[in-house]
Amino acid sequence: MHDELESHGIAVRPQSWRALAEEAPGAYKDVDAVAAVTEAAGLARRVARLVPLGVVKG
């Protein structure tokens, strides 16, 4: 998993392998699909698409 993330240009420095498992790409829903369903349900309106530059968990 570490090598897969690194191959996509994502630098990962976990405190443990368990913490790294929480960041597995498969652990997240497709944000575009979630936004589309939310908008179709009338709960929100899309106005911008943001791209994260970094994430710090702790």
PDB file of N, CA and C in Angstrom:
ATOM      1  N   MET A   1       0.824  -1.175   0.000  1.00  0.00           N
ATOM      2  CA  MET A   1       0.000   0.000   0.000  1.00  0.00           C
ATOM      3  C   MET A   1       0.880   1.256   0.000  1.00  0.00           C
ATOM      4  N   HIS A   2       1.919   1.257   0.784  1.00  0.00           N
ATOM      5  CA  HIS A   2       2.832   2.398   0.852  1.00  0.00           C
ATOM      6  C   HIS A   2       3.414   2.692  -0.523  1.00  0.00           C
ATOM      7  N   ASP A   3       3.857   1.646  -1.207  1.00  0.00           N
ATOM      8  CA  ASP A   3       4.449   1.824  -2.537  1.00  0.00           C
ATOM      9  C   ASP A   3       3.428   2.338  -3.548  1.00  0.00           C
ATOM     10  N   GLU A   4       2.178   1.873  -3.432  1.00  0.00           N
ATOM     11  CA  GLU A   4       1.128   2.319  -4.344  1.00  0.00           C
ATOM     12  C   GLU A   4       0.874   3.817  -4.174  1.00  0.00           C
ATOM     13  N   LEU A   5       0.783   4.270  -2.937  1.00  0.00           N
ATOM     14  CA  LEU A   5       0.561   5.693  -2.686  1.00  0.00           C
ATOM     15  C   LEU A   5       1.748   6.521  -3.172  1.00  0.00           C
ATOM     16  N   GLU A   6       2.940   6.063  -2.875  1.00  0.00           N
ATOM     17  CA  GLU A   6       4.150   6.769  -3.306  1.00  0.00           C
ATOM     18  C   GLU A   6       4.229   6.853  -4.835  1.00  0.00           C
ATOM     19  N   SER A   7       3.768   5.802  -5.532  1.00  0.00           N
ATOM     20  CA  SER A   7       3.822   5.812  -6.996  1.00  0.00           C
ATOM     21  C   SER A   7       2.884   6.850  -7.599  1.00  0.00           C
ATOM     22  N   HIS A   8       1.896   7.294  -6.808  1.00  0.00           N
ATOM     23  CA  HIS A   8       0.969   8.344  -7.247  1.00  0.00           C
ATOM     24  C   HIS A   8       1.418   9.716  -6.771  1.00  0.00           C
ATOM     25  N   GLY A   9       2.647   9.796  -6.240  1.00  0.00           N
ATOM     26  CA  GLY A   9       3.174  11.074  -5.783  1.00  0.00           C
ATOM     27  C   GLY A   9       2.675  11.485  -4.415  1.00  0.00           C
ATOM     28  N   ILE A  10       2.150  10.526  -3.646  1.00  0.00           N
ATOM     29  CA  ILE A  10       1.631  10.813  -2.310  1.00  0.00           C
ATOM     30  C   ILE A  10       2.671  10.369  -1.288  1.00  0.00           C
ATOM     31  N   ALA A  11       3.227  11.334  -0.573  1.00  0.00           N
ATOM     32  CA  ALA A  11       4.225  11.030   0.455  1.00  0.00           C
ATOM     33  C   ALA A  11       3.500  10.602   1.722  1.00  0.00           C
ATOM     34  N   VAL A  12       3.844   9.430   2.234  1.00  0.00           N
ATOM     35  CA  VAL A  12       3.178   8.881   3.412  1.00  0.00           C
ATOM     36  C   VAL A  12       4.215   8.603   4.478  1.00  0.00           C
ATOM     37  N   ARG A  13       3.968   9.127   5.675  1.00  0.00           N
ATOM     38  CA  ARG A  13       4.866   8.896   6.809  1.00  0.00           C
ATOM     39  C   ARG A  13       4.034   8.480   8.018  1.00  0.00           C
ATOM     40  N   PRO A  14       3.488   7.241   7.998  1.00  0.00           N
ATOM     41  CA  PRO A  14       2.600   6.817   9.087  1.00  0.00           C
ATOM     42  C   PRO A  14       3.375   6.494  10.361  1.00  0.00           C
ATOM     43  N   GLN A  15       2.682   6.659  11.491  1.00  0.00           N
ATOM     44  CA  GLN A  15       3.280   6.255  12.763  1.00  0.00           C
ATOM     45  C   GLN A  15       3.237   4.746  12.916  1.00  0.00           C
ATOM     46  N   SER A  16       2.268   4.100  12.232  1.00  0.00           N
ATOM     47  CA  SER A  16       2.140   2.649  12.301  1.00  0.00           C
ATOM     48  C   SER A  16       1.510   2.149  11.009  1.00  0.00           C
ATOM     49  N   TRP A  17       1.600   0.832  10.792  1.00  0.00           N
ATOM     50  CA  TRP A  17       0.978   0.244   9.604  1.00  0.00           C
ATOM     51  C   TRP A  17      -0.544   0.300   9.720  1.00  0.00           C
ATOM     52  N   ARG A  18      -1.062   0.274  10.943  1.00  0.00           N
ATOM     53  CA  ARG A  18      -2.512   0.384  11.131  1.00  0.00           C
ATOM     54  C   ARG A  18      -2.996   1.762  10.670  1.00  0.00           C
ATOM     55  N   ALA A  19      -2.243   2.800  11.007  1.00  0.00           N
ATOM     56  CA  ALA A  19      -2.599   4.152  10.576  1.00  0.00           C
ATOM     57  C   ALA A  19      -2.556   4.247   9.053  1.00  0.00           C
ATOM     58  N   LEU A  20      -1.603   3.586   8.435  1.00  0.00           N
ATOM     59  CA  LEU A  20      -1.501   3.593   6.974  1.00  0.00           C
ATOM     60  C   LEU A  20      -2.704   2.900   6.348  1.00  0.00           C
ATOM     61  N   ALA A  21      -3.181   1.823   6.965  1.00  0.00           N
ATOM     62  CA  ALA A  21      -4.337   1.097   6.431  1.00  0.00           C
ATOM     63  C   ALA A  21      -5.572   1.984   6.390  1.00  0.00           C
ATOM     64  N   GLU A  22      -5.690   2.926   7.329  1.00  0.00           N
ATOM     65  CA  GLU A  22      -6.828   3.846   7.348  1.00  0.00           C
ATOM     66  C   GLU A  22      -6.803   4.801   6.159  1.00  0.00           C
ATOM     67  N   GLU A  23      -5.658   4.974   5.537  1.00  0.00           N
ATOM     68  CA  GLU A  23      -5.514   5.890   4.411  1.00  0.00           C
ATOM     69  C   GLU A  23      -5.537   5.183   3.065  1.00  0.00           C
ATOM     70  N   ALA A  24      -5.897   3.919   3.058  1.00  0.00           N
ATOM     71  CA  ALA A  24      -5.958   3.163   1.814  1.00  0.00           C
ATOM     72  C   ALA A  24      -6.959   3.816   0.864  1.00  0.00           C
ATOM     73  N   PRO A  25      -6.611   3.978  -0.407  1.00  0.00           N
ATOM     74  CA  PRO A  25      -7.527   4.608  -1.356  1.00  0.00           C
ATOM     75  C   PRO A  25      -8.906   3.947  -1.386  1.00  0.00           C
ATOM     76  N   GLY A  26      -8.979   2.659  -1.177  1.00  0.00           N
ATOM     77  CA  GLY A  26     -10.256   1.957  -1.175  1.00  0.00           C
ATOM     78  C   GLY A  26     -11.131   2.267   0.031  1.00  0.00           C
ATOM     79  N   ALA A  27     -10.564   2.949   1.027  1.00  0.00           N
ATOM     80  CA  ALA A  27     -11.326   3.275   2.240  1.00  0.00           C
ATOM     81  C   ALA A  27     -12.207   4.499   2.044  1.00  0.00           C
ATOM     82  N   TYR A  28     -12.071   5.171   0.925  1.00  0.00           N
ATOM     83  CA  TYR A  28     -12.813   6.404   0.677  1.00  0.00           C
ATOM     84  C   TYR A  28     -13.819   6.228  -0.451  1.00  0.00           C
ATOM     85  N   LYS A  29     -14.927   6.938  -0.354  1.00  0.00           N
ATOM     86  CA  LYS A  29     -15.917   6.948  -1.429  1.00  0.00           C
ATOM     87  C   LYS A  29     -15.440   7.904  -2.525  1.00  0.00           C
ATOM     88  N   ASP A  30     -15.911   7.700  -3.741  1.00  0.00           N
ATOM     89  CA  ASP A  30     -15.606   8.588  -4.858  1.00  0.00           C
ATOM     90  C   ASP A  30     -16.297   9.929  -4.606  1.00  0.00           C
ATOM     91  N   VAL A  31     -15.523  10.985  -4.410  1.00  0.00           N
ATOM     92  CA  VAL A  31     -16.077  12.288  -4.047  1.00  0.00           C
ATOM     93  C   VAL A  31     -17.001  12.830  -5.130  1.00  0.00           C
ATOM     94  N   ASP A  32     -16.720  12.545  -6.389  1.00  0.00           N
ATOM     95  CA  ASP A  32     -17.592  13.008  -7.472  1.00  0.00           C
ATOM     96  C   ASP A  32     -18.960  12.337  -7.399  1.00  0.00           C
ATOM     97  N   ALA A  33     -18.979  11.045  -7.081  1.00  0.00           N
ATOM     98  CA  ALA A  33     -20.244  10.322  -6.961  1.00  0.00           C
ATOM     99  C   ALA A  33     -21.048  10.837  -5.764  1.00  0.00           C
ATOM    100  N   VAL A  34     -20.373  11.087  -4.653  1.00  0.00           N
ATOM    101  CA  VAL A  34     -21.054  11.597  -3.461  1.00  0.00           C
ATOM    102  C   VAL A  34     -21.637  12.980  -3.746  1.00  0.00           C
ATOM    103  N   ALA A  35     -20.875  13.838  -4.410  1.00  0.00           N
ATOM    104  CA  ALA A  35     -21.363  15.181  -4.738  1.00  0.00           C
ATOM    105  C   ALA A  35     -22.557  15.112  -5.684  1.00  0.00           C
ATOM    106  N   ALA A  36     -22.512  14.224  -6.665  1.00  0.00           N
ATOM    107  CA  ALA A  36     -23.608  14.095  -7.630  1.00  0.00           C
ATOM    108  C   ALA A  36     -24.891  13.629  -6.943  1.00  0.00           C
ATOM    109  N   VAL A  37     -24.782  12.641  -6.068  1.00  0.00           N
ATOM    110  CA  VAL A  37     -25.957  12.133  -5.361  1.00  0.00           C
ATOM    111  C   VAL A  37     -26.515  13.194  -4.419  1.00  0.00           C
ATOM    112  N   THR A  38     -25.635  13.901  -3.731  1.00  0.00           N
ATOM    113  CA  THR A  38     -26.066  14.955  -2.810  1.00  0.00           C
ATOM    114  C   THR A  38     -26.801  16.059  -3.558  1.00  0.00           C
ATOM    115  N   GLU A  39     -26.269  16.436  -4.712  1.00  0.00           N
ATOM    116  CA  GLU A  39     -26.909  17.473  -5.512  1.00  0.00           C
ATOM    117  C   GLU A  39     -28.250  16.984  -6.079  1.00  0.00           C
ATOM    118  N   ALA A  40     -28.290  15.756  -6.564  1.00  0.00           N
ATOM    119  CA  ALA A  40     -29.517  15.195  -7.127  1.00  0.00           C
ATOM    120  C   ALA A  40     -30.619  15.076  -6.070  1.00  0.00           C
ATOM    121  N   ALA A  41     -30.223  14.867  -4.823  1.00  0.00           N
ATOM    122  CA  ALA A  41     -31.198  14.753  -3.740  1.00  0.00           C
ATOM    123  C   ALA A  41     -31.677  16.121  -3.261  1.00  0.00           C
ATOM    124  N   GLY A  42     -31.092  17.193  -3.802  1.00  0.00           N
ATOM    125  CA  GLY A  42     -31.498  18.537  -3.416  1.00  0.00           C
ATOM    126  C   GLY A  42     -30.936  18.992  -2.083  1.00  0.00           C
ATOM    127  N   LEU A  43     -29.903  18.323  -1.607  1.00  0.00           N
ATOM    128  CA  LEU A  43     -29.314  18.670  -0.320  1.00  0.00           C
ATOM    129  C   LEU A  43     -28.261  19.765  -0.426  1.00  0.00           C
ATOM    130  N   ALA A  44     -27.682  19.913  -1.607  1.00  0.00           N
ATOM    131  CA  ALA A  44     -26.609  20.891  -1.789  1.00  0.00           C
ATOM    132  C   ALA A  44     -26.465  21.203  -3.268  1.00  0.00           C
ATOM    133  N   ARG A  45     -25.699  22.241  -3.546  1.00  0.00           N
ATOM    134  CA  ARG A  45     -25.405  22.620  -4.924  1.00  0.00           C
ATOM    135  C   ARG A  45     -23.887  22.757  -5.048  1.00  0.00           C
ATOM    136  N   ARG A  46     -23.329  22.136  -6.068  1.00  0.00           N
ATOM    137  CA  ARG A  46     -21.877  22.225  -6.280  1.00  0.00           C
ATOM    138  C   ARG A  46     -21.516  23.614  -6.798  1.00  0.00           C
ATOM    139  N   VAL A  47     -20.510  24.216  -6.182  1.00  0.00           N
ATOM    140  CA  VAL A  47     -20.074  25.544  -6.617  1.00  0.00           C
ATOM    141  C   VAL A  47     -18.573  25.592  -6.905  1.00  0.00           C
ATOM    142  N   ALA A  48     -17.808  24.634  -6.405  1.00  0.00           N
ATOM    143  CA  ALA A  48     -16.359  24.627  -6.629  1.00  0.00           C
ATOM    144  C   ALA A  48     -15.823  23.209  -6.410  1.00  0.00           C
ATOM    145  N   ARG A  49     -14.676  22.943  -6.998  1.00  0.00           N
ATOM    146  CA  ARG A  49     -13.978  21.683  -6.758  1.00  0.00           C
ATOM    147  C   ARG A  49     -12.610  22.033  -6.204  1.00  0.00           C
ATOM    148  N   LEU A  50     -12.328  21.535  -5.010  1.00  0.00           N
ATOM    149  CA  LEU A  50     -11.075  21.824  -4.342  1.00  0.00           C
ATOM    150  C   LEU A  50     -10.136  20.649  -4.439  1.00  0.00           C
ATOM    151  N   VAL A  51      -8.853  20.907  -4.418  1.00  0.00           N
ATOM    152  CA  VAL A  51      -7.838  19.880  -4.463  1.00  0.00           C
ATOM    153  C   VAL A  51      -6.951  20.040  -3.227  1.00  0.00           C
ATOM    154  N   PRO A  52      -6.885  19.020  -2.372  1.00  0.00           N
ATOM    155  CA  PRO A  52      -6.069  19.142  -1.159  1.00  0.00           C
ATOM    156  C   PRO A  52      -4.576  19.199  -1.500  1.00  0.00           C
ATOM    157  N   LEU A  53      -3.860  20.021  -0.770  1.00  0.00           N
ATOM    158  CA  LEU A  53      -2.417  20.116  -0.950  1.00  0.00           C
ATOM    159  C   LEU A  53      -1.682  19.252   0.064  1.00  0.00           C
ATOM    160  N   GLY A  54      -2.331  18.977   1.173  1.00  0.00           N
ATOM    161  CA  GLY A  54      -1.711  18.148   2.200  1.00  0.00           C
ATOM    162  C   GLY A  54      -2.708  17.813   3.287  1.00  0.00           C
ATOM    163  N   VAL A  55      -2.415  16.746   4.001  1.00  0.00           N
ATOM    164  CA  VAL A  55      -3.268  16.307   5.098  1.00  0.00           C
ATOM    165  C   VAL A  55      -2.360  15.927   6.249  1.00  0.00           C
ATOM    166  N   VAL A  56      -2.706  16.420   7.436  1.00  0.00           N
ATOM    167  CA  VAL A  56      -1.980  16.047   8.647  1.00  0.00           C
ATOM    168  C   VAL A  56      -3.002  15.480   9.615  1.00  0.00           C
ATOM    169  N   LYS A  57      -2.783  14.261  10.049  1.00  0.00           N
ATOM    170  CA  LYS A  57      -3.680  13.636  11.018  1.00  0.00           C
ATOM    171  C   LYS A  57      -2.900  13.435  12.305  1.00  0.00           C
ATOM    172  N   GLY A  58      -3.602  13.535  13.382  1.00  0.00           N
ATOM    173  CA  GLY A  58      -2.868  13.294  14.625  1.00  0.00           C
ATOM    174  C   GLY A  58      -3.728  13.312  15.824  1.00  0.00           C
TER     175      GLY A  58
END
